[in-house]
Amino acid sequence: SHMGFVLLGIGAVDALSLSGAMLQMISHG
C-alpha cells in the first residue's frame, strides 16, 4: 500500500511530487 504512493509521486511528473516519491522511499525504508 505505501509503495503505491511512490507510484503516485512518479506519475504526477512535477518537482514536488518527485520529491515526495523520494522522501516516501526513504521514510518507508
PDB file of all heavy atoms in Angstrom:
ATOM      1  N   SER A   1       0.821  -1.210   0.000  1.00  0.00           N
ATOM      2  CA  SER A   1       0.000   0.000   0.000  1.00  0.00           C
ATOM      3  C   SER A   1       0.855   1.261   0.000  1.00  0.00           C
ATOM      4  O   SER A   1       0.627   2.174  -0.791  1.00  0.00           O
ATOM      5  CB  SER A   1      -0.928  -0.009   1.220  1.00  0.00           C
ATOM      6  OG  SER A   1      -1.733   1.145   1.259  1.00  0.00           O
ATOM      7  N   HIS A   2       1.855   1.295   0.856  1.00  0.00           N
ATOM      8  CA  HIS A   2       2.650   2.512   0.977  1.00  0.00           C
ATOM      9  C   HIS A   2       3.543   2.763  -0.238  1.00  0.00           C
ATOM     10  O   HIS A   2       3.816   3.915  -0.587  1.00  0.00           O
ATOM     11  CB  HIS A   2       3.499   2.456   2.250  1.00  0.00           C
ATOM     12  CG  HIS A   2       2.708   2.723   3.490  1.00  0.00           C
ATOM     13  ND1 HIS A   2       2.139   1.731   4.236  1.00  0.00           N
ATOM     14  CD2 HIS A   2       2.376   3.880   4.107  1.00  0.00           C
ATOM     15  CE1 HIS A   2       1.495   2.250   5.268  1.00  0.00           C
ATOM     16  NE2 HIS A   2       1.615   3.552   5.206  1.00  0.00           N
ATOM     17  N   MET A   3       4.002   1.691  -0.890  1.00  0.00           N
ATOM     18  CA  MET A   3       4.794   1.899  -2.099  1.00  0.00           C
ATOM     19  C   MET A   3       3.930   2.397  -3.252  1.00  0.00           C
ATOM     20  O   MET A   3       4.453   2.905  -4.251  1.00  0.00           O
ATOM     21  CB  MET A   3       5.516   0.611  -2.480  1.00  0.00           C
ATOM     22  CG  MET A   3       6.624   0.204  -1.508  1.00  0.00           C
ATOM     23  SD  MET A   3       7.880   1.484  -1.256  1.00  0.00           S
ATOM     24  CE  MET A   3       8.705   1.447  -2.844  1.00  0.00           C
ATOM     25  N   GLY A   4       2.604   2.265  -3.120  1.00  0.00           N
ATOM     26  CA  GLY A   4       1.726   2.875  -4.105  1.00  0.00           C
ATOM     27  C   GLY A   4       1.876   4.381  -4.151  1.00  0.00           C
ATOM     28  O   GLY A   4       1.694   5.002  -5.211  1.00  0.00           O
ATOM     29  N   PHE A   5       2.210   4.998  -3.023  1.00  0.00           N
ATOM     30  CA  PHE A   5       2.432   6.450  -3.013  1.00  0.00           C
ATOM     31  C   PHE A   5       3.670   6.826  -3.829  1.00  0.00           C
ATOM     32  O   PHE A   5       3.730   7.923  -4.389  1.00  0.00           O
ATOM     33  CB  PHE A   5       2.567   6.945  -1.573  1.00  0.00           C
ATOM     34  CG  PHE A   5       1.265   7.006  -0.830  1.00  0.00           C
ATOM     35  CD1 PHE A   5       0.882   5.996   0.029  1.00  0.00           C
ATOM     36  CD2 PHE A   5       0.410   8.080  -1.011  1.00  0.00           C
ATOM     37  CE1 PHE A   5      -0.322   6.038   0.708  1.00  0.00           C
ATOM     38  CE2 PHE A   5      -0.799   8.153  -0.337  1.00  0.00           C
ATOM     39  CZ  PHE A   5      -1.174   7.115   0.524  1.00  0.00           C
ATOM     40  N   VAL A   6       4.639   5.930  -3.887  1.00  0.00           N
ATOM     41  CA  VAL A   6       5.806   6.182  -4.738  1.00  0.00           C
ATOM     42  C   VAL A   6       5.376   6.240  -6.204  1.00  0.00           C
ATOM     43  O   VAL A   6       5.808   7.113  -6.966  1.00  0.00           O
ATOM     44  CB  VAL A   6       6.883   5.103  -4.521  1.00  0.00           C
ATOM     45  CG1 VAL A   6       8.051   5.302  -5.476  1.00  0.00           C
ATOM     46  CG2 VAL A   6       7.372   5.129  -3.074  1.00  0.00           C
ATOM     47  N   LEU A   7       4.509   5.309  -6.613  1.00  0.00           N
ATOM     48  CA  LEU A   7       3.989   5.339  -7.981  1.00  0.00           C
ATOM     49  C   LEU A   7       3.205   6.620  -8.237  1.00  0.00           C
ATOM     50  O   LEU A   7       3.307   7.216  -9.317  1.00  0.00           O
ATOM     51  CB  LEU A   7       3.093   4.126  -8.231  1.00  0.00           C
ATOM     52  CG  LEU A   7       3.790   2.766  -8.395  1.00  0.00           C
ATOM     53  CD1 LEU A   7       2.763   1.655  -8.474  1.00  0.00           C
ATOM     54  CD2 LEU A   7       4.673   2.764  -9.637  1.00  0.00           C
ATOM     55  N   LEU A   8       2.418   7.065  -7.262  1.00  0.00           N
ATOM     56  CA  LEU A   8       1.686   8.334  -7.409  1.00  0.00           C
ATOM     57  C   LEU A   8       2.641   9.493  -7.639  1.00  0.00           C
ATOM     58  O   LEU A   8       2.443  10.320  -8.531  1.00  0.00           O
ATOM     59  CB  LEU A   8       0.845   8.608  -6.160  1.00  0.00           C
ATOM     60  CG  LEU A   8      -0.476   7.868  -5.960  1.00  0.00           C
ATOM     61  CD1 LEU A   8      -1.187   8.423  -4.740  1.00  0.00           C
ATOM     62  CD2 LEU A   8      -1.355   7.982  -7.180  1.00  0.00           C
ATOM     63  N   GLY A   9       3.689   9.558  -6.814  1.00  0.00           N
ATOM     64  CA  GLY A   9       4.640  10.663  -6.938  1.00  0.00           C
ATOM     65  C   GLY A   9       5.375  10.651  -8.260  1.00  0.00           C
ATOM     66  O   GLY A   9       5.582  11.706  -8.883  1.00  0.00           O
ATOM     67  N   ILE A  10       5.768   9.467  -8.719  1.00  0.00           N
ATOM     68  CA  ILE A  10       6.470   9.373 -10.003  1.00  0.00           C
ATOM     69  C   ILE A  10       5.521   9.720 -11.149  1.00  0.00           C
ATOM     70  O   ILE A  10       5.911  10.376 -12.120  1.00  0.00           O
ATOM     71  CB  ILE A  10       7.049   7.959 -10.187  1.00  0.00           C
ATOM     72  CG1 ILE A  10       8.142   7.695  -9.138  1.00  0.00           C
ATOM     73  CG2 ILE A  10       7.631   7.784 -11.584  1.00  0.00           C
ATOM     74  CD1 ILE A  10       8.672   6.280  -9.148  1.00  0.00           C
ATOM     75  N   GLY A  11       4.261   9.324 -11.032  1.00  0.00           N
ATOM     76  CA  GLY A  11       3.309   9.586 -12.102  1.00  0.00           C
ATOM     77  C   GLY A  11       2.859  11.024 -12.192  1.00  0.00           C
ATOM     78  O   GLY A  11       2.418  11.468 -13.252  1.00  0.00           O
ATOM     79  N   ALA A  12       2.968  11.796 -11.121  1.00  0.00           N
ATOM     80  CA  ALA A  12       2.500  13.183 -11.140  1.00  0.00           C
ATOM     81  C   ALA A  12       3.447  14.131 -11.869  1.00  0.00           C
ATOM     82  O   ALA A  12       3.088  15.280 -12.132  1.00  0.00           O
ATOM     83  CB  ALA A  12       2.265  13.687  -9.722  1.00  0.00           C
ATOM     84  N   VAL A  13       4.653  13.690 -12.153  1.00  0.00           N
ATOM     85  CA  VAL A  13       5.628  14.318 -13.075  1.00  0.00           C
ATOM     86  C   VAL A  13       6.013  15.766 -12.768  1.00  0.00           C
ATOM     87  O   VAL A  13       6.518  16.446 -13.651  1.00  0.00           O
ATOM     88  CB  VAL A  13       5.169  14.216 -14.556  1.00  0.00           C
ATOM     89  CG1 VAL A  13       4.966  12.771 -14.967  1.00  0.00           C
ATOM     90  CG2 VAL A  13       3.909  15.048 -14.823  1.00  0.00           C
ATOM     91  N   ASP A  14       5.799  16.279 -11.580  1.00  0.00           N
ATOM     92  CA  ASP A  14       6.325  17.604 -11.271  1.00  0.00           C
ATOM     93  C   ASP A  14       7.347  17.500 -10.139  1.00  0.00           C
ATOM     94  O   ASP A  14       7.505  16.462  -9.519  1.00  0.00           O
ATOM     95  CB  ASP A  14       5.205  18.596 -10.928  1.00  0.00           C
ATOM     96  CG  ASP A  14       4.502  18.265  -9.622  1.00  0.00           C
ATOM     97  OD1 ASP A  14       4.779  17.184  -9.058  1.00  0.00           O
ATOM     98  OD2 ASP A  14       3.680  19.077  -9.171  1.00  0.00           O
ATOM     99  N   ALA A  15       8.066  18.603  -9.904  1.00  0.00           N
ATOM    100  CA  ALA A  15       9.183  18.578  -8.960  1.00  0.00           C
ATOM    101  C   ALA A  15       8.725  18.200  -7.559  1.00  0.00           C
ATOM    102  O   ALA A  15       9.403  17.449  -6.846  1.00  0.00           O
ATOM    103  CB  ALA A  15       9.876  19.934  -8.943  1.00  0.00           C
ATOM    104  N   LEU A  16       7.569  18.712  -7.132  1.00  0.00           N
ATOM    105  CA  LEU A  16       7.097  18.462  -5.772  1.00  0.00           C
ATOM    106  C   LEU A  16       6.740  16.988  -5.571  1.00  0.00           C
ATOM    107  O   LEU A  16       7.092  16.392  -4.548  1.00  0.00           O
ATOM    108  CB  LEU A  16       5.885  19.350  -5.480  1.00  0.00           C
ATOM    109  CG  LEU A  16       5.420  19.426  -4.026  1.00  0.00           C
ATOM    110  CD1 LEU A  16       6.537  19.939  -3.126  1.00  0.00           C
ATOM    111  CD2 LEU A  16       4.187  20.319  -3.913  1.00  0.00           C
ATOM    112  N   SER A  17       6.064  16.406  -6.546  1.00  0.00           N
ATOM    113  CA  SER A  17       5.659  15.003  -6.396  1.00  0.00           C
ATOM    114  C   SER A  17       6.862  14.067  -6.498  1.00  0.00           C
ATOM    115  O   SER A  17       6.928  13.059  -5.791  1.00  0.00           O
ATOM    116  CB  SER A  17       4.625  14.639  -7.454  1.00  0.00           C
ATOM    117  OG  SER A  17       5.165  14.733  -8.755  1.00  0.00           O
ATOM    118  N   LEU A  18       7.816  14.388  -7.371  1.00  0.00           N
ATOM    119  CA  LEU A  18       9.024  13.568  -7.455  1.00  0.00           C
ATOM    120  C   LEU A  18       9.814  13.638  -6.152  1.00  0.00           C
ATOM    121  O   LEU A  18      10.372  12.640  -5.694  1.00  0.00           O
ATOM    122  CB  LEU A  18       9.892  14.026  -8.632  1.00  0.00           C
ATOM    123  CG  LEU A  18       9.344  13.754 -10.036  1.00  0.00           C
ATOM    124  CD1 LEU A  18      10.237  14.383 -11.091  1.00  0.00           C
ATOM    125  CD2 LEU A  18       9.210  12.254 -10.289  1.00  0.00           C
ATOM    126  N   SER A  19       9.846  14.827  -5.548  1.00  0.00           N
ATOM    127  CA  SER A  19      10.490  14.975  -4.246  1.00  0.00           C
ATOM    128  C   SER A  19       9.768  14.134  -3.206  1.00  0.00           C
ATOM    129  O   SER A  19      10.396  13.479  -2.367  1.00  0.00           O
ATOM    130  CB  SER A  19      10.500  16.450  -3.831  1.00  0.00           C
ATOM    131  OG  SER A  19      11.030  16.604  -2.532  1.00  0.00           O
ATOM    132  N   GLY A  20       8.428  14.132  -3.257  1.00  0.00           N
ATOM    133  CA  GLY A  20       7.651  13.320  -2.324  1.00  0.00           C
ATOM    134  C   GLY A  20       7.902  11.834  -2.516  1.00  0.00           C
ATOM    135  O   GLY A  20       7.948  11.070  -1.538  1.00  0.00           O
ATOM    136  N   ALA A  21       8.061  11.390  -3.774  1.00  0.00           N
ATOM    137  CA  ALA A  21       8.331   9.976  -4.039  1.00  0.00           C
ATOM    138  C   ALA A  21       9.668   9.561  -3.440  1.00  0.00           C
ATOM    139  O   ALA A  21       9.789   8.476  -2.847  1.00  0.00           O
ATOM    140  CB  ALA A  21       8.318   9.718  -5.549  1.00  0.00           C
ATOM    141  N   MET A  22      10.691  10.405  -3.590  1.00  0.00           N
ATOM    142  CA  MET A  22      11.997  10.104  -2.998  1.00  0.00           C
ATOM    143  C   MET A  22      11.893  10.059  -1.476  1.00  0.00           C
ATOM    144  O   MET A  22      12.435   9.149  -0.829  1.00  0.00           O
ATOM    145  CB  MET A  22      13.020  11.158  -3.413  1.00  0.00           C
ATOM    146  CG  MET A  22      13.663  10.929  -4.771  1.00  0.00           C
ATOM    147  SD  MET A  22      14.650   9.411  -4.873  1.00  0.00           S
ATOM    148  CE  MET A  22      15.866   9.707  -3.592  1.00  0.00           C
ATOM    149  N   LEU A  23      11.188  11.031  -0.904  1.00  0.00           N
ATOM    150  CA  LEU A  23      11.062  11.067   0.555  1.00  0.00           C
ATOM    151  C   LEU A  23      10.259   9.868   1.067  1.00  0.00           C
ATOM    152  O   LEU A  23      10.560   9.335   2.140  1.00  0.00           O
ATOM    153  CB  LEU A  23      10.397  12.373   0.984  1.00  0.00           C
ATOM    154  CG  LEU A  23      10.435  12.684   2.484  1.00  0.00           C
ATOM    155  CD1 LEU A  23      11.869  12.759   2.986  1.00  0.00           C
ATOM    156  CD2 LEU A  23       9.700  13.979   2.788  1.00  0.00           C
ATOM    157  N   GLN A  24       9.261   9.445   0.299  1.00  0.00           N
ATOM    158  CA  GLN A  24       8.478   8.277   0.700  1.00  0.00           C
ATOM    159  C   GLN A  24       9.344   7.017   0.706  1.00  0.00           C
ATOM    160  O   GLN A  24       9.205   6.167   1.601  1.00  0.00           O
ATOM    161  CB  GLN A  24       7.286   8.091  -0.249  1.00  0.00           C
ATOM    162  CG  GLN A  24       6.455   6.847   0.006  1.00  0.00           C
ATOM    163  CD  GLN A  24       5.636   6.918   1.286  1.00  0.00           C
ATOM    164  OE1 GLN A  24       5.758   7.836   2.073  1.00  0.00           O
ATOM    165  NE2 GLN A  24       4.762   5.931   1.489  1.00  0.00           N
ATOM    166  N   MET A  25      10.257   6.882  -0.245  1.00  0.00           N
ATOM    167  CA  MET A  25      11.142   5.717  -0.254  1.00  0.00           C
ATOM    168  C   MET A  25      12.066   5.721   0.963  1.00  0.00           C
ATOM    169  O   MET A  25      12.269   4.689   1.609  1.00  0.00           O
ATOM    170  CB  MET A  25      11.952   5.683  -1.561  1.00  0.00           C
ATOM    171  CG  MET A  25      11.145   5.247  -2.766  1.00  0.00           C
ATOM    172  SD  MET A  25      12.162   4.824  -4.190  1.00  0.00           S
ATOM    173  CE  MET A  25      12.601   6.440  -4.795  1.00  0.00           C
ATOM    174  N   ILE A  26      12.622   6.881   1.273  1.00  0.00           N
ATOM    175  CA  ILE A  26      13.496   6.979   2.442  1.00  0.00           C
ATOM    176  C   ILE A  26      12.699   6.703   3.714  1.00  0.00           C
ATOM    177  O   ILE A  26      13.115   5.920   4.583  1.00  0.00           O
ATOM    178  CB  ILE A  26      14.149   8.372   2.498  1.00  0.00           C
ATOM    179  CG1 ILE A  26      15.043   8.594   1.273  1.00  0.00           C
ATOM    180  CG2 ILE A  26      14.963   8.530   3.780  1.00  0.00           C
ATOM    181  CD1 ILE A  26      15.509  10.026   1.119  1.00  0.00           C
ATOM    182  N   SER A  27      11.541   7.342   3.818  1.00  0.00           N
ATOM    183  CA  SER A  27      10.708   7.208   5.011  1.00  0.00           C
ATOM    184  C   SER A  27      10.246   5.775   5.205  1.00  0.00           C
ATOM    185  O   SER A  27      10.365   5.204   6.297  1.00  0.00           O
ATOM    186  CB  SER A  27       9.501   8.146   4.898  1.00  0.00           C
ATOM    187  OG  SER A  27       8.570   7.902   5.921  1.00  0.00           O
ATOM    188  N   HIS A  28       9.722   5.179   4.145  1.00  0.00           N
ATOM    189  CA  HIS A  28       9.216   3.812   4.265  1.00  0.00           C
ATOM    190  C   HIS A  28      10.342   2.828   4.565  1.00  0.00           C
ATOM    191  O   HIS A  28      10.136   1.850   5.291  1.00  0.00           O
ATOM    192  CB  HIS A  28       8.486   3.394   2.988  1.00  0.00           C
ATOM    193  CG  HIS A  28       7.922   2.015   3.053  1.00  0.00           C
ATOM    194  ND1 HIS A  28       8.578   0.915   2.539  1.00  0.00           N
ATOM    195  CD2 HIS A  28       6.767   1.544   3.602  1.00  0.00           C
ATOM    196  CE1 HIS A  28       7.858  -0.167   2.753  1.00  0.00           C
ATOM    197  NE2 HIS A  28       6.754   0.174   3.394  1.00  0.00           N
ATOM    198  N   GLY A  29      11.531   3.083   4.019  1.00  0.00           N
ATOM    199  CA  GLY A  29      12.666   2.217   4.328  1.00  0.00           C
ATOM    200  C   GLY A  29      12.962   2.172   5.808  1.00  0.00           C
ATOM    201  O   GLY A  29      13.215   1.100   6.380  1.00  0.00           O
TER     202      GLY A  29
END
